[in-house]
């Protein structure tokens, strides 16, 4: 169950090596993501979420742009905090949608994921 962004990019290399060594790789991910996309080499179990691709991209861009915000230390700190809250809320929402997806949870339980 990967996290989008740079975490996924690093994890993807590990998954490719595991697959090359004969392991079956199953990735559980939200349908809306920046980098986690279906692949012919990996079994993908995708689930719907309540946010859109545009919302995700907007929040990631806002988080990235925080580094360029000018102002006092506290102004920059609070901009950064707000951007982190938005991304964290997307992560929490994604987890909630995963746990409410009874069909996917059943598959995961039956497959000893």
Protein backbone atom coordinates (compact mmCIF):
# COMPACT_ATOMS: atom_id res chain seq x y z
CA UNK A 1 0.00 0.00 0.00
CA UNK A 2 2.25 2.80 -1.26
CA UNK A 3 2.29 6.51 -0.62
CA UNK A 4 2.28 8.67 -3.74
CA UNK A 5 5.13 10.95 -4.71
CA UNK A 6 8.80 10.25 -4.10
CA UNK A 7 7.96 7.33 -1.78
CA UNK A 8 6.33 5.51 -4.70
CA UNK A 9 9.19 6.28 -7.08
CA UNK A 10 11.65 4.63 -4.68
CA UNK A 11 9.32 1.73 -3.94
CA UNK A 12 8.73 1.07 -7.64
CA UNK A 13 12.39 0.09 -8.12
CA UNK A 14 12.17 -2.39 -5.24
CA UNK A 15 8.97 -3.90 -6.65
CA UNK A 16 10.60 -4.34 -10.07
CA UNK A 17 13.50 -6.24 -8.49
CA UNK A 18 11.12 -8.44 -6.47
CA UNK A 19 9.14 -9.22 -9.61
CA UNK A 20 12.35 -10.08 -11.50
CA UNK A 21 13.21 -12.53 -8.71
CA UNK A 22 9.90 -14.34 -9.23
CA UNK A 23 7.70 -12.73 -6.59
CA UNK A 24 4.11 -11.83 -7.32
CA UNK A 25 3.69 -8.14 -6.63
CA UNK A 26 0.27 -6.73 -5.74
CA UNK A 27 -0.11 -2.98 -5.24
CA UNK A 28 -3.17 -1.55 -3.47
CA UNK A 29 -3.59 2.11 -4.41
CA UNK A 30 -6.22 4.80 -4.86
CA UNK A 31 -7.55 5.39 -8.38
CA UNK A 32 -6.44 9.03 -8.10
CA UNK A 33 -2.69 9.45 -7.78
CA UNK A 34 0.25 11.33 -9.20
CA UNK A 35 2.65 8.49 -10.00
CA UNK A 36 1.00 5.18 -9.08
CA UNK A 37 -0.32 3.91 -12.39
CA UNK A 38 -1.40 0.47 -13.61
CA UNK A 39 1.38 -1.67 -15.00
CA UNK A 40 1.41 -4.88 -17.01
CA UNK A 41 4.14 -6.25 -14.69
CA UNK A 42 2.33 -5.65 -11.39
CA UNK A 43 -1.14 -6.63 -10.19
CA UNK A 44 -2.93 -3.42 -9.26
CA UNK A 45 -5.87 -3.32 -6.88
CA UNK A 46 -7.28 0.19 -7.22
CA UNK A 47 -10.06 1.72 -5.15
CA UNK A 48 -12.10 4.91 -5.61
CA UNK A 49 -11.57 7.98 -3.43
CA UNK A 50 -13.56 11.15 -2.79
CA UNK A 51 -11.08 13.62 -4.27
CA UNK A 52 -10.27 14.38 -7.88
CA UNK A 53 -7.02 14.30 -9.82
CA UNK A 54 -7.18 18.09 -10.05
CA UNK A 55 -7.52 18.48 -6.26
CA UNK A 56 -4.59 16.14 -5.65
CA UNK A 57 -2.37 17.94 -8.15
CA UNK A 58 -3.36 21.36 -6.75
CA UNK A 59 -2.52 20.33 -3.18
CA UNK A 60 0.82 18.75 -4.15
CA UNK A 61 1.72 21.86 -6.14
CA UNK A 62 0.78 24.10 -3.20
CA UNK A 63 2.94 21.95 -0.91
CA UNK A 64 5.89 22.17 -3.33
CA UNK A 65 5.51 25.93 -3.68
CA UNK A 66 5.70 26.50 0.09
CA UNK A 67 9.48 26.53 -0.20
CA UNK A 68 9.22 29.72 -2.26
CA UNK A 69 6.81 31.62 -0.01
CA UNK A 70 8.26 34.80 1.38
CA UNK A 71 7.55 36.29 4.76
CA UNK A 72 8.55 35.93 8.36
CA UNK A 73 9.53 32.59 9.81
CA UNK A 74 6.07 32.21 11.36
CA UNK A 75 4.24 33.12 8.14
CA UNK A 76 6.27 30.55 6.21
CA UNK A 77 5.82 28.00 8.99
CA UNK A 78 2.03 28.38 8.91
CA UNK A 79 1.92 28.18 5.09
CA UNK A 80 3.90 24.97 5.33
CA UNK A 81 1.64 23.65 8.09
CA UNK A 82 -1.50 24.37 6.03
CA UNK A 83 -0.06 22.65 2.97
CA UNK A 84 0.90 19.60 5.07
CA UNK A 85 -2.60 19.47 6.57
CA UNK A 86 -4.18 19.38 3.12
CA UNK A 87 -1.96 16.51 2.00
CA UNK A 88 -2.50 14.68 5.27
CA UNK A 89 -6.26 15.03 4.86
CA UNK A 90 -6.02 13.45 1.41
CA UNK A 91 -4.05 10.56 2.91
CA UNK A 92 -6.59 10.05 5.68
CA UNK A 93 -9.43 10.19 3.16
CA UNK A 94 -7.66 7.62 0.99
CA UNK A 95 -7.27 5.26 3.96
CA UNK A 96 -10.93 5.70 4.89
CA UNK A 97 -12.05 4.86 1.37
CA UNK A 98 -9.79 1.81 1.31
CA UNK A 99 -11.12 0.50 4.63
CA UNK A 100 -14.74 1.08 3.55
CA UNK A 101 -14.24 -0.88 0.33
CA UNK A 102 -15.67 -4.19 1.49
CA UNK A 103 -14.96 -6.02 -1.77
CA UNK A 104 -11.29 -5.06 -1.75
CA UNK A 105 -10.90 -5.81 1.97
CA UNK A 106 -12.43 -9.24 1.37
CA UNK A 107 -9.96 -9.89 -1.46
CA UNK A 108 -7.05 -8.83 0.77
CA UNK A 109 -8.20 -11.07 3.61
CA UNK A 110 -8.77 -14.08 1.37
CA UNK A 111 -5.41 -13.68 -0.35
CA UNK A 112 -3.55 -13.30 2.98
CA UNK A 113 -2.22 -9.92 1.76
